[in-house]
Protein backbone atom coordinates (compact mmCIF):
# COMPACT_ATOMS: atom_id res chain seq x y z
CA UNK A 1 -97.30 -12.26 -117.97
CA UNK A 2 -100.89 -13.13 -118.91
CA UNK A 3 -102.00 -11.65 -122.25
CA UNK A 4 -105.54 -10.27 -122.57
CA UNK A 5 -107.38 -10.33 -125.93
CA UNK A 6 -109.34 -7.20 -125.10
CA UNK A 7 -109.81 -4.46 -122.52
CA UNK A 8 -113.13 -6.11 -121.59
CA UNK A 9 -111.35 -9.39 -120.76
CA UNK A 10 -108.88 -7.50 -118.58
CA UNK A 11 -111.63 -5.67 -116.68
CA UNK A 12 -113.60 -8.92 -116.20
CA UNK A 13 -110.54 -10.76 -114.84
CA UNK A 14 -109.53 -7.85 -112.60
CA UNK A 15 -113.09 -7.63 -111.29
CA UNK A 16 -113.15 -11.30 -110.35
CA UNK A 17 -109.80 -10.92 -108.63
CA UNK A 18 -111.19 -7.98 -106.68
CA UNK A 19 -114.15 -10.07 -105.55
CA UNK A 20 -111.77 -12.84 -104.43
CA UNK A 21 -109.66 -10.39 -102.43
CA UNK A 22 -112.75 -8.83 -100.85
CA UNK A 23 -114.06 -12.27 -99.87
CA UNK A 24 -110.71 -13.24 -98.37
CA UNK A 25 -110.58 -9.98 -96.42
CA UNK A 26 -114.12 -10.53 -95.16
CA UNK A 27 -113.25 -14.03 -93.94
CA UNK A 28 -110.10 -12.73 -92.25
CA UNK A 29 -112.13 -10.24 -90.23
CA UNK A 30 -113.87 -13.12 -88.47
CA UNK A 31 -110.68 -13.45 -86.41
CA UNK A 32 -109.86 -10.53 -84.14
CA UNK A 33 -106.22 -10.61 -82.99
CA UNK A 34 -105.37 -9.60 -79.43
CA UNK A 35 -103.22 -6.50 -78.99
CA UNK A 36 -100.50 -5.65 -76.47
CA UNK A 37 -97.93 -2.87 -76.13
CA UNK A 38 -94.51 -2.87 -74.51
CA UNK A 39 -93.55 -0.70 -71.55
CA UNK A 40 -90.21 -0.16 -73.29
CA UNK A 41 -91.99 2.77 -74.94
CA UNK A 42 -93.15 4.32 -71.65
CA UNK A 43 -90.24 3.94 -69.21
CA UNK A 44 -91.42 6.71 -66.86
CA UNK A 45 -95.00 5.50 -66.35
CA UNK A 46 -96.21 4.02 -63.09
CA UNK A 47 -97.77 0.58 -63.20
CA UNK A 48 -101.20 2.08 -62.64
CA UNK A 49 -100.68 4.47 -65.55
CA UNK A 50 -99.66 1.53 -67.76
CA UNK A 51 -102.82 -0.42 -66.90
CA UNK A 52 -105.07 2.62 -67.31
CA UNK A 53 -103.59 3.42 -70.72
CA UNK A 54 -104.13 -0.18 -71.86
CA UNK A 55 -107.78 -0.10 -70.82
CA UNK A 56 -108.47 3.38 -72.25
CA UNK A 57 -106.99 2.46 -75.63
CA UNK A 58 -108.54 -0.96 -76.08
CA UNK A 59 -105.46 -3.11 -75.52
CA UNK A 60 -105.87 -6.71 -74.35
CA UNK A 61 -102.54 -7.01 -72.61
CA UNK A 62 -99.15 -5.54 -71.77
CA UNK A 63 -95.58 -6.66 -72.45
CA UNK A 64 -93.65 -5.69 -69.33
CA UNK A 65 -90.12 -4.51 -70.15
CA UNK A 66 -89.48 -2.59 -66.97
CA UNK A 67 -91.46 -0.19 -64.80
CA UNK A 68 -90.19 3.30 -63.92
CA UNK A 69 -86.84 2.41 -65.57
CA UNK A 70 -86.34 -0.67 -63.38
CA UNK A 71 -85.71 -3.47 -65.89
CA UNK A 72 -85.46 -6.24 -63.30
CA UNK A 73 -89.16 -6.70 -62.66
CA UNK A 74 -88.53 -8.84 -59.58
CA UNK A 75 -87.19 -5.67 -57.90
CA UNK A 76 -90.31 -3.61 -58.65
CA UNK A 77 -92.64 -3.10 -55.64
CA UNK A 78 -95.51 -4.69 -57.56
CA UNK A 79 -93.60 -7.99 -57.69
CA UNK A 80 -91.32 -7.83 -54.66
CA UNK A 81 -93.27 -10.29 -52.49
CA UNK A 82 -95.88 -13.04 -52.85
CA UNK A 83 -98.53 -10.77 -51.38
CA UNK A 84 -97.68 -7.95 -53.78
CA UNK A 85 -97.70 -10.30 -56.75
CA UNK A 86 -101.12 -11.62 -55.77
CA UNK A 87 -102.47 -8.09 -55.36
CA UNK A 88 -100.93 -7.00 -58.69
CA UNK A 89 -102.42 -9.95 -60.54
CA UNK A 90 -105.82 -9.12 -59.07
CA UNK A 91 -105.53 -5.51 -60.34
CA UNK A 92 -104.64 -6.78 -63.80
CA UNK A 93 -107.54 -9.22 -63.90
CA UNK A 94 -110.03 -6.64 -62.59
CA UNK A 95 -109.16 -4.48 -65.60
CA UNK A 96 -109.67 -7.53 -67.87
CA UNK A 97 -106.06 -7.37 -69.04
CA UNK A 98 -103.27 -9.90 -69.25
CA UNK A 99 -99.50 -9.66 -69.04
CA UNK A 100 -98.56 -11.25 -72.36
CA UNK A 101 -94.78 -11.29 -71.91
CA UNK A 102 -92.12 -10.46 -69.31
CA UNK A 103 -89.00 -9.00 -70.91
CA UNK A 104 -85.84 -9.93 -69.04
CA UNK A 105 -82.31 -8.75 -69.82
CA UNK A 106 -80.81 -12.24 -69.59
CA UNK A 107 -78.23 -13.05 -72.28
CA UNK A 108 -77.39 -16.60 -73.33
CA UNK A 109 -74.01 -16.01 -75.03
CA UNK A 110 -71.78 -15.59 -71.96
CA UNK A 111 -68.94 -18.09 -71.42
CA UNK A 112 -67.74 -16.74 -68.05
CA UNK A 113 -69.31 -19.09 -65.45
CA UNK A 114 -70.22 -16.30 -63.01
CA UNK A 115 -71.80 -14.06 -65.66
CA UNK A 116 -73.57 -17.02 -67.24
CA UNK A 117 -75.08 -18.17 -63.94
CA UNK A 118 -76.20 -14.62 -63.18
CA UNK A 119 -78.07 -14.38 -66.49
CA UNK A 120 -79.61 -17.85 -66.28
CA UNK A 121 -80.74 -17.13 -62.71
CA UNK A 122 -82.38 -13.89 -63.85
CA UNK A 123 -84.28 -15.77 -66.55
CA UNK A 124 -85.38 -18.43 -64.06
CA UNK A 125 -86.63 -15.72 -61.67
CA UNK A 126 -88.68 -14.28 -64.53
CA UNK A 127 -90.09 -17.74 -65.28
CA UNK A 128 -91.22 -18.05 -61.65
CA UNK A 129 -92.79 -14.58 -61.75
CA UNK A 130 -94.54 -15.33 -65.04
CA UNK A 131 -96.10 -18.44 -63.54
CA UNK A 132 -97.51 -16.40 -60.64
CA UNK A 133 -98.92 -13.78 -63.04
CA UNK A 134 -100.38 -16.35 -65.46
CA UNK A 135 -98.13 -14.85 -68.13
CA UNK A 136 -97.47 -17.18 -71.11
CA UNK A 137 -93.98 -15.95 -72.07
CA UNK A 138 -90.74 -14.52 -70.76
CA UNK A 139 -88.13 -13.04 -73.12
CA UNK A 140 -84.35 -13.57 -73.11
CA UNK A 141 -81.56 -12.57 -75.52
CA UNK A 142 -79.31 -15.07 -77.34
CA UNK A 143 -77.67 -12.20 -77.83
CA UNK A 144 -74.25 -11.53 -79.33
CA UNK A 145 -71.09 -12.95 -80.91
CA UNK A 146 -68.28 -11.66 -78.64
CA UNK A 147 -65.06 -11.05 -80.55
CA UNK A 148 -62.98 -12.94 -78.00
CA UNK A 149 -65.11 -16.11 -78.40
CA UNK A 150 -65.11 -18.60 -81.25
CA UNK A 151 -68.46 -18.39 -83.06
CA UNK A 152 -69.33 -22.07 -82.78
CA UNK A 153 -68.60 -21.93 -79.06
CA UNK A 154 -70.99 -19.00 -78.71
CA UNK A 155 -73.70 -20.79 -80.69
CA UNK A 156 -73.27 -23.85 -78.47
CA UNK A 157 -73.55 -21.70 -75.33
CA UNK A 158 -76.72 -20.06 -76.65
CA UNK A 159 -78.31 -23.39 -77.53
CA UNK A 160 -77.44 -24.94 -74.17
CA UNK A 161 -78.81 -21.91 -72.32
CA UNK A 162 -82.07 -21.93 -74.26
CA UNK A 163 -82.53 -25.66 -73.70
CA UNK A 164 -81.77 -25.34 -69.99
CA UNK A 165 -84.40 -22.64 -69.63
CA UNK A 166 -86.84 -24.59 -71.79
CA UNK A 167 -86.55 -27.55 -69.44
CA UNK A 168 -86.85 -25.29 -66.40
CA UNK A 169 -89.92 -23.55 -67.83
CA UNK A 170 -91.76 -26.86 -68.23
CA UNK A 171 -92.04 -27.21 -64.47
CA UNK A 172 -93.69 -23.80 -64.25
CA UNK A 173 -96.00 -24.16 -67.29
CA UNK A 174 -94.44 -20.99 -68.69
CA UNK A 175 -93.06 -20.31 -72.13
CA UNK A 176 -90.02 -18.35 -73.13
CA UNK A 177 -89.27 -16.19 -76.12
CA UNK A 178 -85.84 -15.30 -77.37
CA UNK A 179 -84.94 -12.22 -79.41
CA UNK A 180 -82.24 -10.76 -81.60
CA UNK A 181 -80.52 -13.73 -83.13
CA UNK A 182 -77.48 -11.80 -84.39
CA UNK A 183 -76.86 -13.46 -87.75
CA UNK A 184 -79.19 -14.73 -90.47
CA UNK A 185 -76.60 -17.33 -91.40
CA UNK A 186 -77.24 -19.17 -88.12
CA UNK A 187 -81.01 -19.36 -88.43
CA UNK A 188 -80.75 -23.11 -89.10
CA UNK A 189 -79.61 -23.66 -85.52
CA UNK A 190 -82.79 -22.04 -84.24
CA UNK A 191 -84.99 -24.09 -86.56
CA UNK A 192 -83.21 -27.29 -85.57
CA UNK A 193 -83.31 -26.80 -81.85
CA UNK A 194 -86.83 -25.46 -81.73
CA UNK A 195 -87.98 -29.01 -82.48
CA UNK A 196 -86.04 -30.61 -79.63
CA UNK A 197 -88.40 -32.98 -77.79
CA UNK A 198 -88.94 -32.69 -74.06
CA UNK A 199 -88.51 -28.90 -73.88
CA UNK A 200 -90.89 -25.99 -74.03
CA UNK A 201 -89.50 -24.85 -77.38
CA UNK A 202 -92.47 -24.01 -79.53
CA UNK A 203 -92.11 -21.94 -82.69
CA UNK A 204 -90.15 -19.42 -84.72
CA UNK A 205 -91.57 -15.97 -83.89
CA UNK A 206 -89.65 -13.89 -86.42
CA UNK A 207 -87.32 -14.93 -89.18
CA UNK A 208 -83.75 -14.97 -87.78
CA UNK A 209 -84.60 -12.67 -84.89
CA UNK A 210 -86.95 -14.42 -82.47
CA UNK A 211 -88.25 -17.75 -81.41
CA UNK A 212 -90.36 -18.81 -78.47
CA UNK A 213 -91.28 -21.21 -75.75
CA UNK A 214 -95.01 -21.36 -75.03
CA UNK A 215 -97.20 -22.58 -72.18
CA UNK A 216 -98.12 -26.24 -72.52
């Protein structure tokens, strides 16, 4: 710990530190981050209510994790046809908002071929929808270590699923985020595979819990 020869020296040093912090804070304010909220917190709101709330409260965008308790967004009336998607996107743009992320329920840890295909297909449908909405991300889950599966097998399944979707997303200029990595001890796999060339894998969103694919 630094030793001060007098109270005056301490006050002088502390004062200079305060000035440095104030200057740093002032510089930071030059950048205004964009703000979104997730519909996970308002499961009973209509889509119109969601948009109106965003506008009224100064949000820049919305993370769609279901509408009126329907988690598969492709089954919501707003996104059930090309015409509806076009009309919905127009409503969003007229309110000067953006859909910042589409939250799917797709899990990447399944070994059963039927269940695995079902989840990958859901993620791919979300990628297609995101492209039509000019949404930069979709979200999937790695998501679990099933007791009946060997851990390394599960990790391999997760990695292969993420890479498959990363390659698929490239063709749609859409990114993909992945949440809830279940174990800190396996973070190195995320860091390693996020750098894989030729995919949309972009960056680590949260330590050991999320990483993302972004629009090119």
